[in-house]
N, C-alpha and C. Protein backbone atom coordinates (compact mmCIF):
# COMPACT_ATOMS: atom_id res chain seq x y z
N MET A 1 -25.71 -12.71 -4.44
CA MET A 1 -25.50 -13.25 -3.11
C MET A 1 -26.04 -12.27 -2.07
N THR A 2 -26.44 -12.79 -0.99
CA THR A 2 -26.98 -11.95 0.08
C THR A 2 -25.86 -11.44 0.96
N GLU A 3 -26.17 -10.50 1.81
CA GLU A 3 -25.18 -9.93 2.72
C GLU A 3 -24.54 -10.99 3.59
N GLY A 4 -25.28 -12.03 3.94
CA GLY A 4 -24.74 -13.08 4.80
C GLY A 4 -23.86 -14.08 4.08
N ALA A 5 -23.81 -14.01 2.74
CA ALA A 5 -22.98 -14.96 1.99
C ALA A 5 -21.52 -14.75 2.38
N GLN A 6 -20.79 -15.83 2.47
CA GLN A 6 -19.41 -15.75 2.95
C GLN A 6 -18.40 -15.85 1.82
N PRO A 7 -17.46 -14.89 1.71
CA PRO A 7 -16.42 -15.01 0.70
C PRO A 7 -15.31 -15.90 1.22
N LEU A 8 -15.61 -17.18 1.42
CA LEU A 8 -14.60 -18.07 1.96
C LEU A 8 -14.74 -19.48 1.42
N LEU A 9 -13.66 -20.18 1.48
CA LEU A 9 -13.60 -21.60 1.16
C LEU A 9 -12.73 -22.26 2.20
N PRO A 10 -12.79 -23.56 2.31
CA PRO A 10 -11.92 -24.21 3.27
C PRO A 10 -10.47 -24.09 2.83
N PRO A 11 -9.55 -23.83 3.76
CA PRO A 11 -8.15 -23.76 3.37
C PRO A 11 -7.65 -25.12 2.94
N ASP A 12 -6.87 -25.13 1.87
CA ASP A 12 -6.28 -26.36 1.38
C ASP A 12 -4.85 -26.38 1.90
N ASP A 13 -4.70 -26.62 3.18
CA ASP A 13 -3.41 -26.52 3.85
C ASP A 13 -3.00 -27.88 4.37
N PRO A 14 -2.01 -28.52 3.71
CA PRO A 14 -1.59 -29.83 4.18
C PRO A 14 -0.99 -29.81 5.56
N GLY A 15 -0.58 -28.62 6.03
CA GLY A 15 0.03 -28.53 7.35
C GLY A 15 -0.97 -28.19 8.44
N ALA A 16 -2.25 -28.37 8.17
CA ALA A 16 -3.26 -28.04 9.18
C ALA A 16 -2.96 -28.80 10.47
N GLY A 17 -3.01 -28.06 11.56
CA GLY A 17 -2.76 -28.68 12.84
C GLY A 17 -1.29 -28.71 13.20
N ASP A 18 -0.45 -28.00 12.46
CA ASP A 18 0.98 -28.01 12.73
C ASP A 18 1.31 -27.19 13.97
N ALA A 19 2.54 -27.26 14.40
CA ALA A 19 2.97 -26.60 15.63
C ALA A 19 2.85 -25.09 15.52
N GLU A 20 3.13 -24.53 14.33
CA GLU A 20 3.02 -23.08 14.15
C GLU A 20 1.59 -22.62 14.38
N SER A 21 0.63 -23.34 13.82
CA SER A 21 -0.77 -22.98 13.99
C SER A 21 -1.18 -23.08 15.45
N ALA A 22 -0.73 -24.13 16.11
CA ALA A 22 -1.06 -24.29 17.53
C ALA A 22 -0.46 -23.17 18.36
N ALA A 23 0.77 -22.77 18.03
CA ALA A 23 1.43 -21.70 18.78
C ALA A 23 0.70 -20.37 18.60
N LEU A 24 0.09 -20.16 17.43
CA LEU A 24 -0.64 -18.92 17.18
C LEU A 24 -2.06 -18.96 17.72
N GLY A 25 -2.48 -20.10 18.21
CA GLY A 25 -3.84 -20.21 18.72
C GLY A 25 -4.86 -20.48 17.65
N VAL A 26 -4.42 -20.95 16.47
CA VAL A 26 -5.34 -21.27 15.39
C VAL A 26 -5.87 -22.67 15.65
N PRO A 27 -7.17 -22.80 15.89
CA PRO A 27 -7.71 -24.14 16.17
C PRO A 27 -7.73 -25.00 14.92
N ASP A 28 -7.58 -26.32 15.12
CA ASP A 28 -7.75 -27.24 14.01
C ASP A 28 -9.21 -27.24 13.60
N ALA A 29 -9.47 -27.57 12.35
CA ALA A 29 -10.85 -27.64 11.87
C ALA A 29 -11.55 -28.77 12.61
N ALA A 30 -12.70 -28.47 13.18
CA ALA A 30 -13.45 -29.48 13.91
C ALA A 30 -14.04 -30.50 12.95
N GLU A 31 -14.30 -30.07 11.74
CA GLU A 31 -14.85 -30.96 10.72
C GLU A 31 -14.23 -30.58 9.39
N ALA A 32 -14.18 -31.52 8.48
CA ALA A 32 -13.58 -31.26 7.18
C ALA A 32 -14.35 -30.15 6.48
N GLY A 33 -13.62 -29.30 5.78
CA GLY A 33 -14.25 -28.25 5.00
C GLY A 33 -14.59 -27.00 5.77
N ARG A 34 -14.12 -26.86 6.97
CA ARG A 34 -14.39 -25.65 7.75
C ARG A 34 -13.10 -24.86 7.93
N PRO A 35 -13.16 -23.54 7.83
CA PRO A 35 -11.97 -22.74 8.07
C PRO A 35 -11.46 -22.93 9.49
N ARG A 36 -10.14 -22.83 9.67
CA ARG A 36 -9.55 -22.98 10.99
C ARG A 36 -9.61 -21.70 11.79
N VAL A 37 -9.94 -20.58 11.14
CA VAL A 37 -9.99 -19.29 11.82
C VAL A 37 -11.41 -18.74 11.70
N SER A 38 -11.90 -18.18 12.79
CA SER A 38 -13.20 -17.52 12.77
C SER A 38 -13.06 -16.19 13.50
N VAL A 39 -14.00 -15.31 13.27
CA VAL A 39 -13.98 -14.03 13.97
C VAL A 39 -14.05 -14.28 15.47
N ALA A 40 -14.86 -15.24 15.89
CA ALA A 40 -14.98 -15.56 17.33
C ALA A 40 -13.65 -16.02 17.90
N SER A 41 -12.88 -16.84 17.14
CA SER A 41 -11.58 -17.29 17.66
C SER A 41 -10.59 -16.14 17.75
N LEU A 42 -10.72 -15.16 16.86
CA LEU A 42 -9.84 -13.99 16.91
C LEU A 42 -10.15 -13.11 18.12
N LEU A 43 -11.41 -13.06 18.50
CA LEU A 43 -11.80 -12.28 19.68
C LEU A 43 -11.29 -12.90 20.97
N ALA A 44 -10.97 -14.19 20.94
CA ALA A 44 -10.56 -14.91 22.14
C ALA A 44 -9.07 -14.81 22.42
N VAL A 45 -8.29 -14.18 21.54
CA VAL A 45 -6.85 -14.07 21.74
C VAL A 45 -6.44 -12.61 21.87
N GLU A 46 -5.20 -12.38 22.26
CA GLU A 46 -4.68 -11.02 22.38
C GLU A 46 -4.75 -10.31 21.03
N PRO A 47 -4.98 -8.98 21.01
CA PRO A 47 -5.09 -8.25 19.73
C PRO A 47 -3.89 -8.43 18.80
N GLY A 48 -2.68 -8.35 19.34
CA GLY A 48 -1.49 -8.53 18.50
C GLY A 48 -1.43 -9.93 17.91
N GLN A 49 -1.82 -10.90 18.69
CA GLN A 49 -1.84 -12.29 18.23
C GLN A 49 -2.92 -12.48 17.16
N ALA A 50 -4.06 -11.80 17.31
CA ALA A 50 -5.13 -11.89 16.32
C ALA A 50 -4.66 -11.35 14.97
N ILE A 51 -3.90 -10.27 14.99
CA ILE A 51 -3.38 -9.70 13.74
C ILE A 51 -2.39 -10.67 13.10
N ASP A 52 -1.53 -11.28 13.91
CA ASP A 52 -0.59 -12.29 13.38
C ASP A 52 -1.35 -13.44 12.73
N ILE A 53 -2.40 -13.91 13.39
CA ILE A 53 -3.20 -15.01 12.85
C ILE A 53 -3.85 -14.59 11.52
N LEU A 54 -4.42 -13.39 11.50
CA LEU A 54 -5.04 -12.90 10.27
C LEU A 54 -4.03 -12.79 9.13
N GLU A 55 -2.85 -12.27 9.43
CA GLU A 55 -1.83 -12.11 8.39
C GLU A 55 -1.35 -13.46 7.85
N GLN A 56 -1.22 -14.45 8.72
CA GLN A 56 -0.68 -15.73 8.31
C GLN A 56 -1.72 -16.72 7.82
N HIS A 57 -2.95 -16.64 8.32
CA HIS A 57 -3.96 -17.65 8.00
C HIS A 57 -5.27 -17.06 7.48
N GLY A 58 -5.34 -15.75 7.32
CA GLY A 58 -6.60 -15.10 6.94
C GLY A 58 -6.98 -15.27 5.49
N VAL A 59 -6.00 -15.45 4.61
CA VAL A 59 -6.31 -15.71 3.21
C VAL A 59 -5.53 -16.93 2.75
N VAL A 60 -6.11 -17.63 1.80
CA VAL A 60 -5.48 -18.80 1.20
C VAL A 60 -5.40 -18.54 -0.29
N THR A 61 -4.22 -18.73 -0.87
CA THR A 61 -4.05 -18.58 -2.31
C THR A 61 -4.52 -19.85 -3.00
N LEU A 62 -5.49 -19.70 -3.90
CA LEU A 62 -6.03 -20.84 -4.63
C LEU A 62 -5.16 -21.17 -5.84
N GLY A 63 -4.55 -20.16 -6.42
CA GLY A 63 -3.71 -20.35 -7.59
C GLY A 63 -3.62 -19.06 -8.37
N SER A 64 -3.03 -19.15 -9.56
CA SER A 64 -2.93 -17.98 -10.42
C SER A 64 -3.40 -18.36 -11.81
N MET A 65 -3.77 -17.34 -12.57
CA MET A 65 -4.16 -17.58 -13.95
C MET A 65 -3.78 -16.36 -14.77
N THR A 66 -3.70 -16.57 -16.07
CA THR A 66 -3.34 -15.51 -16.99
C THR A 66 -4.60 -14.94 -17.62
N VAL A 67 -4.73 -13.62 -17.58
CA VAL A 67 -5.87 -12.94 -18.18
C VAL A 67 -5.36 -11.77 -19.00
N LYS A 68 -6.21 -11.23 -19.83
CA LYS A 68 -5.88 -10.04 -20.61
C LYS A 68 -5.96 -8.82 -19.71
N ASP A 69 -4.95 -7.97 -19.80
CA ASP A 69 -4.92 -6.80 -18.92
C ASP A 69 -6.10 -5.87 -19.14
N ALA A 70 -6.58 -5.74 -20.39
CA ALA A 70 -7.72 -4.86 -20.66
C ALA A 70 -8.98 -5.37 -19.97
N ALA A 71 -9.20 -6.68 -19.99
CA ALA A 71 -10.37 -7.25 -19.33
C ALA A 71 -10.28 -7.07 -17.82
N PHE A 72 -9.09 -7.28 -17.28
CA PHE A 72 -8.90 -7.13 -15.84
C PHE A 72 -9.11 -5.68 -15.42
N LYS A 73 -8.55 -4.74 -16.17
CA LYS A 73 -8.71 -3.31 -15.86
C LYS A 73 -10.18 -2.92 -15.95
N ALA A 74 -10.89 -3.42 -16.96
CA ALA A 74 -12.32 -3.11 -17.09
C ALA A 74 -13.11 -3.66 -15.90
N ALA A 75 -12.75 -4.86 -15.44
CA ALA A 75 -13.44 -5.46 -14.29
C ALA A 75 -13.17 -4.69 -13.01
N LEU A 76 -11.96 -4.12 -12.89
CA LEU A 76 -11.62 -3.35 -11.70
C LEU A 76 -12.44 -2.07 -11.61
N GLY A 77 -12.81 -1.50 -12.73
CA GLY A 77 -13.59 -0.27 -12.72
C GLY A 77 -12.72 0.96 -12.54
N THR A 78 -13.33 2.03 -12.10
CA THR A 78 -12.64 3.32 -12.03
C THR A 78 -12.29 3.75 -10.62
N ASP A 79 -12.41 2.87 -9.64
CA ASP A 79 -12.16 3.29 -8.26
C ASP A 79 -10.70 3.13 -7.81
N ASP A 80 -9.80 2.86 -8.75
CA ASP A 80 -8.37 2.73 -8.47
C ASP A 80 -8.05 1.61 -7.48
N ASP A 81 -8.91 0.64 -7.37
CA ASP A 81 -8.64 -0.49 -6.50
C ASP A 81 -7.92 -1.57 -7.29
N ASP A 82 -7.17 -2.41 -6.63
CA ASP A 82 -6.47 -3.49 -7.32
C ASP A 82 -6.99 -4.86 -6.90
N LEU A 83 -8.18 -4.89 -6.30
CA LEU A 83 -8.80 -6.15 -5.88
C LEU A 83 -10.16 -6.32 -6.54
N LEU A 84 -10.41 -7.53 -7.01
CA LEU A 84 -11.76 -7.92 -7.41
C LEU A 84 -12.26 -8.85 -6.32
N THR A 85 -13.43 -8.59 -5.80
CA THR A 85 -13.96 -9.45 -4.74
C THR A 85 -15.38 -9.89 -5.09
N ALA A 86 -15.74 -11.05 -4.60
CA ALA A 86 -17.09 -11.58 -4.78
C ALA A 86 -17.32 -12.63 -3.71
N ALA A 87 -18.57 -12.90 -3.43
CA ALA A 87 -18.90 -13.95 -2.48
C ALA A 87 -18.84 -15.29 -3.18
N ALA A 88 -18.12 -16.22 -2.60
CA ALA A 88 -18.01 -17.57 -3.14
C ALA A 88 -19.05 -18.45 -2.46
N PRO A 89 -19.32 -19.61 -3.06
CA PRO A 89 -20.27 -20.52 -2.43
C PRO A 89 -19.78 -20.97 -1.04
N ASP A 90 -20.71 -21.36 -0.24
CA ASP A 90 -20.38 -21.89 1.08
C ASP A 90 -19.49 -23.12 0.92
N PRO A 91 -18.50 -23.30 1.80
CA PRO A 91 -17.61 -24.46 1.68
C PRO A 91 -18.33 -25.80 1.70
N GLN A 92 -19.50 -25.86 2.30
CA GLN A 92 -20.24 -27.11 2.38
C GLN A 92 -20.99 -27.44 1.09
N SER A 93 -21.02 -26.49 0.13
CA SER A 93 -21.83 -26.70 -1.07
C SER A 93 -21.11 -27.51 -2.15
N GLY A 94 -19.89 -27.92 -1.92
CA GLY A 94 -19.20 -28.77 -2.88
C GLY A 94 -17.97 -28.10 -3.47
N PRO A 95 -17.36 -28.75 -4.46
CA PRO A 95 -16.14 -28.22 -5.05
C PRO A 95 -16.36 -26.85 -5.70
N PHE A 96 -15.33 -26.06 -5.69
CA PHE A 96 -15.39 -24.69 -6.20
C PHE A 96 -14.40 -24.55 -7.34
N ASP A 97 -14.89 -24.25 -8.53
CA ASP A 97 -14.05 -24.04 -9.70
C ASP A 97 -13.73 -22.55 -9.80
N TRP A 98 -12.68 -22.12 -9.12
CA TRP A 98 -12.37 -20.70 -9.02
C TRP A 98 -12.00 -20.10 -10.38
N ARG A 99 -11.38 -20.88 -11.26
CA ARG A 99 -11.03 -20.34 -12.59
C ARG A 99 -12.30 -19.96 -13.36
N ARG A 100 -13.27 -20.85 -13.38
CA ARG A 100 -14.52 -20.56 -14.07
C ARG A 100 -15.26 -19.42 -13.38
N PHE A 101 -15.27 -19.41 -12.05
CA PHE A 101 -15.93 -18.36 -11.27
C PHE A 101 -15.41 -16.98 -11.68
N TRP A 102 -14.08 -16.81 -11.74
CA TRP A 102 -13.52 -15.50 -12.09
C TRP A 102 -13.58 -15.21 -13.57
N ALA A 103 -13.41 -16.21 -14.43
CA ALA A 103 -13.50 -15.99 -15.88
C ALA A 103 -14.87 -15.43 -16.25
N ALA A 104 -15.90 -15.89 -15.58
CA ALA A 104 -17.26 -15.41 -15.86
C ALA A 104 -17.45 -13.96 -15.44
N ARG A 105 -16.60 -13.44 -14.59
CA ARG A 105 -16.74 -12.07 -14.10
C ARG A 105 -15.87 -11.07 -14.86
N LEU A 106 -15.05 -11.56 -15.78
CA LEU A 106 -14.24 -10.67 -16.61
C LEU A 106 -15.00 -10.36 -17.88
N PRO A 107 -14.98 -9.10 -18.32
CA PRO A 107 -15.75 -8.75 -19.52
C PRO A 107 -15.19 -9.44 -20.76
N ALA A 108 -16.10 -9.78 -21.68
CA ALA A 108 -15.71 -10.39 -22.95
C ALA A 108 -15.13 -9.31 -23.86
N PRO A 109 -14.32 -9.70 -24.83
CA PRO A 109 -13.80 -8.71 -25.79
C PRO A 109 -14.94 -8.00 -26.50
N ARG A 110 -14.76 -6.71 -26.77
CA ARG A 110 -15.80 -5.92 -27.42
C ARG A 110 -15.80 -6.16 -28.92
N ALA A 111 -16.96 -5.96 -29.51
CA ALA A 111 -17.10 -6.09 -30.96
C ALA A 111 -17.44 -4.73 -31.56
N ASP A 112 -17.06 -4.54 -32.82
CA ASP A 112 -17.42 -3.29 -33.49
C ASP A 112 -18.85 -3.41 -34.03
N CYS A 113 -19.30 -2.41 -34.76
CA CYS A 113 -20.69 -2.37 -35.21
C CYS A 113 -21.02 -3.50 -36.20
N ARG A 114 -20.02 -4.12 -36.83
CA ARG A 114 -20.27 -5.22 -37.76
C ARG A 114 -20.14 -6.58 -37.08
N GLY A 115 -19.90 -6.59 -35.78
CA GLY A 115 -19.78 -7.84 -35.06
C GLY A 115 -18.36 -8.41 -35.02
N ASN A 116 -17.42 -7.68 -35.60
CA ASN A 116 -16.02 -8.13 -35.55
C ASN A 116 -15.40 -7.73 -34.22
N GLN A 117 -14.54 -8.58 -33.69
CA GLN A 117 -13.88 -8.22 -32.44
C GLN A 117 -12.93 -7.06 -32.68
N LYS A 118 -12.99 -6.08 -31.80
CA LYS A 118 -12.11 -4.92 -31.91
C LYS A 118 -10.68 -5.35 -31.61
N GLN A 119 -9.78 -4.77 -32.33
CA GLN A 119 -8.37 -5.00 -32.06
C GLN A 119 -7.96 -4.06 -30.93
N VAL A 120 -7.58 -4.62 -29.82
CA VAL A 120 -7.17 -3.84 -28.66
C VAL A 120 -5.76 -4.26 -28.29
N TRP A 121 -4.94 -3.28 -28.03
CA TRP A 121 -3.58 -3.57 -27.64
C TRP A 121 -3.59 -4.04 -26.19
N THR A 122 -3.43 -5.33 -25.98
CA THR A 122 -3.46 -5.88 -24.63
C THR A 122 -2.28 -6.80 -24.42
N ALA A 123 -2.04 -7.09 -23.20
CA ALA A 123 -0.99 -8.04 -22.82
C ALA A 123 -1.59 -9.02 -21.82
N ASP A 124 -0.93 -10.15 -21.69
CA ASP A 124 -1.34 -11.12 -20.68
C ASP A 124 -0.73 -10.73 -19.35
N VAL A 125 -1.51 -10.82 -18.30
CA VAL A 125 -1.02 -10.57 -16.96
C VAL A 125 -1.38 -11.75 -16.08
N GLU A 126 -0.54 -12.02 -15.11
CA GLU A 126 -0.79 -13.10 -14.15
C GLU A 126 -1.50 -12.51 -12.94
N VAL A 127 -2.62 -13.10 -12.56
CA VAL A 127 -3.38 -12.64 -11.40
C VAL A 127 -3.52 -13.79 -10.41
N LEU A 128 -3.59 -13.43 -9.14
CA LEU A 128 -3.75 -14.42 -8.08
C LEU A 128 -5.21 -14.52 -7.67
N ALA A 129 -5.65 -15.72 -7.39
CA ALA A 129 -6.98 -15.95 -6.83
C ALA A 129 -6.77 -16.38 -5.38
N ARG A 130 -7.36 -15.62 -4.49
CA ARG A 130 -7.27 -15.91 -3.06
C ARG A 130 -8.66 -15.94 -2.47
N VAL A 131 -8.76 -16.56 -1.33
CA VAL A 131 -10.03 -16.64 -0.63
C VAL A 131 -9.80 -16.26 0.83
N VAL A 132 -10.75 -15.51 1.38
CA VAL A 132 -10.71 -15.18 2.80
C VAL A 132 -11.13 -16.44 3.55
N ALA A 133 -10.25 -16.93 4.39
CA ALA A 133 -10.49 -18.19 5.11
C ALA A 133 -10.80 -17.93 6.58
N VAL A 134 -11.67 -16.96 6.81
CA VAL A 134 -12.09 -16.61 8.16
C VAL A 134 -13.60 -16.76 8.22
N GLU A 135 -14.04 -17.69 9.02
CA GLU A 135 -15.48 -17.92 9.17
C GLU A 135 -16.15 -16.67 9.71
N ASP A 136 -17.26 -16.29 9.13
CA ASP A 136 -18.07 -15.13 9.50
C ASP A 136 -17.41 -13.80 9.16
N ALA A 137 -16.42 -13.80 8.29
CA ALA A 137 -15.68 -12.58 7.96
C ALA A 137 -16.59 -11.48 7.43
N ALA A 138 -17.55 -11.80 6.59
CA ALA A 138 -18.39 -10.78 5.96
C ALA A 138 -19.72 -10.57 6.67
N LYS A 139 -19.91 -11.19 7.81
CA LYS A 139 -21.17 -11.01 8.53
C LYS A 139 -21.30 -9.55 8.98
N PRO A 140 -22.51 -9.05 8.98
CA PRO A 140 -22.72 -7.66 9.41
C PRO A 140 -22.65 -7.53 10.93
N GLY A 141 -22.48 -6.31 11.35
CA GLY A 141 -22.54 -6.00 12.78
C GLY A 141 -21.37 -6.52 13.58
N PRO A 142 -21.59 -6.74 14.86
CA PRO A 142 -20.50 -7.04 15.78
C PRO A 142 -19.86 -8.41 15.58
N VAL A 143 -20.43 -9.28 14.76
CA VAL A 143 -19.84 -10.60 14.58
C VAL A 143 -18.90 -10.68 13.37
N GLY A 144 -18.79 -9.61 12.58
CA GLY A 144 -17.98 -9.63 11.38
C GLY A 144 -16.58 -9.09 11.59
N LEU A 145 -15.75 -9.31 10.58
CA LEU A 145 -14.35 -8.90 10.62
C LEU A 145 -14.18 -7.38 10.55
N VAL A 146 -15.08 -6.70 9.87
CA VAL A 146 -14.97 -5.23 9.77
C VAL A 146 -15.12 -4.61 11.15
N ASN A 147 -16.08 -5.08 11.94
CA ASN A 147 -16.27 -4.55 13.29
C ASN A 147 -15.03 -4.82 14.15
N LEU A 148 -14.46 -6.00 14.01
CA LEU A 148 -13.24 -6.33 14.77
C LEU A 148 -12.11 -5.38 14.38
N ALA A 149 -11.95 -5.10 13.09
CA ALA A 149 -10.90 -4.20 12.63
C ALA A 149 -11.13 -2.77 13.13
N LEU A 150 -12.38 -2.32 13.07
CA LEU A 150 -12.70 -0.98 13.56
C LEU A 150 -12.44 -0.86 15.06
N SER A 151 -12.79 -1.88 15.82
CA SER A 151 -12.53 -1.87 17.27
C SER A 151 -11.04 -1.78 17.53
N ARG A 152 -10.26 -2.56 16.79
CA ARG A 152 -8.80 -2.54 16.95
C ARG A 152 -8.25 -1.15 16.63
N TYR A 153 -8.75 -0.54 15.58
CA TYR A 153 -8.29 0.80 15.21
C TYR A 153 -8.66 1.83 16.28
N GLN A 154 -9.87 1.74 16.83
CA GLN A 154 -10.30 2.68 17.86
C GLN A 154 -9.42 2.59 19.11
N VAL A 155 -9.01 1.38 19.45
CA VAL A 155 -8.19 1.18 20.65
C VAL A 155 -6.75 1.61 20.41
N SER A 156 -6.19 1.21 19.29
CA SER A 156 -4.76 1.44 19.05
C SER A 156 -4.46 2.70 18.25
N GLY A 157 -5.39 3.14 17.41
CA GLY A 157 -5.12 4.27 16.53
C GLY A 157 -4.20 3.90 15.37
N ASP A 158 -3.86 2.64 15.25
CA ASP A 158 -2.94 2.17 14.21
C ASP A 158 -3.75 1.70 13.00
N PRO A 159 -3.64 2.39 11.85
CA PRO A 159 -4.42 2.02 10.68
C PRO A 159 -3.91 0.79 9.93
N SER A 160 -2.82 0.18 10.38
CA SER A 160 -2.25 -0.97 9.66
C SER A 160 -3.20 -2.18 9.64
N ILE A 161 -4.16 -2.23 10.54
CA ILE A 161 -5.12 -3.33 10.53
C ILE A 161 -5.87 -3.39 9.20
N PHE A 162 -6.03 -2.23 8.55
CA PHE A 162 -6.77 -2.18 7.30
C PHE A 162 -5.94 -2.61 6.09
N THR A 163 -4.65 -2.87 6.30
CA THR A 163 -3.80 -3.37 5.22
C THR A 163 -3.60 -4.88 5.30
N VAL A 164 -4.14 -5.51 6.32
CA VAL A 164 -4.09 -6.98 6.42
C VAL A 164 -4.96 -7.52 5.28
N PRO A 165 -4.43 -8.41 4.44
CA PRO A 165 -5.17 -8.84 3.24
C PRO A 165 -6.60 -9.32 3.50
N ALA A 166 -6.85 -10.06 4.55
CA ALA A 166 -8.21 -10.54 4.82
C ALA A 166 -9.15 -9.37 5.11
N VAL A 167 -8.68 -8.41 5.89
CA VAL A 167 -9.50 -7.24 6.23
C VAL A 167 -9.74 -6.40 4.98
N GLU A 168 -8.69 -6.16 4.21
CA GLU A 168 -8.81 -5.36 2.99
C GLU A 168 -9.80 -6.00 2.01
N ALA A 169 -9.75 -7.32 1.87
CA ALA A 169 -10.65 -8.01 0.95
C ALA A 169 -12.10 -7.90 1.40
N VAL A 170 -12.35 -8.04 2.68
CA VAL A 170 -13.73 -7.96 3.18
C VAL A 170 -14.27 -6.54 3.02
N ILE A 171 -13.46 -5.54 3.30
CA ILE A 171 -13.89 -4.15 3.14
C ILE A 171 -14.19 -3.87 1.66
N THR A 172 -13.31 -4.32 0.76
CA THR A 172 -13.54 -4.12 -0.67
C THR A 172 -14.81 -4.84 -1.11
N TYR A 173 -15.03 -6.04 -0.60
CA TYR A 173 -16.23 -6.80 -0.95
C TYR A 173 -17.50 -6.08 -0.50
N LYS A 174 -17.46 -5.58 0.72
CA LYS A 174 -18.68 -4.96 1.28
C LYS A 174 -18.96 -3.59 0.69
N TRP A 175 -17.91 -2.88 0.25
CA TRP A 175 -18.13 -1.54 -0.31
C TRP A 175 -17.62 -1.49 -1.71
């Protein structure tokens, strides 16, 4: 995927357009399949309100699945991170099979020199699949979510903006 690819899907929120969203300044989707939150809409509200919107509407949980802990640990790598991130197809490109998308990114069991699968002591773990539901979140420069987070940090000096799940996911994705 290119730098401009967006790690987002449309939120599957039956309560879209509810009073809570309106009170937070989250616009309704103008068209089906579009996220209700964008970096531009976050810039248009007070900084504290933007953080509330990001925390409540910035990520959407797609579901959970069971994977082998050894495969998950191998996919995480050695950087001590607990997030796997990737760019998903554009919401307009059709249905997204997130289970298949992530299963393809987990390493297959290893085989020994005779082609037999190695016996590895593993356990099943439950993992969550989430999507950043902020339009333009991964865009470079001043229009992306990272720039918005850095600006907020420069003004407030409060590093908690980097623990907001949507911001953390975009930073992990980009680096």
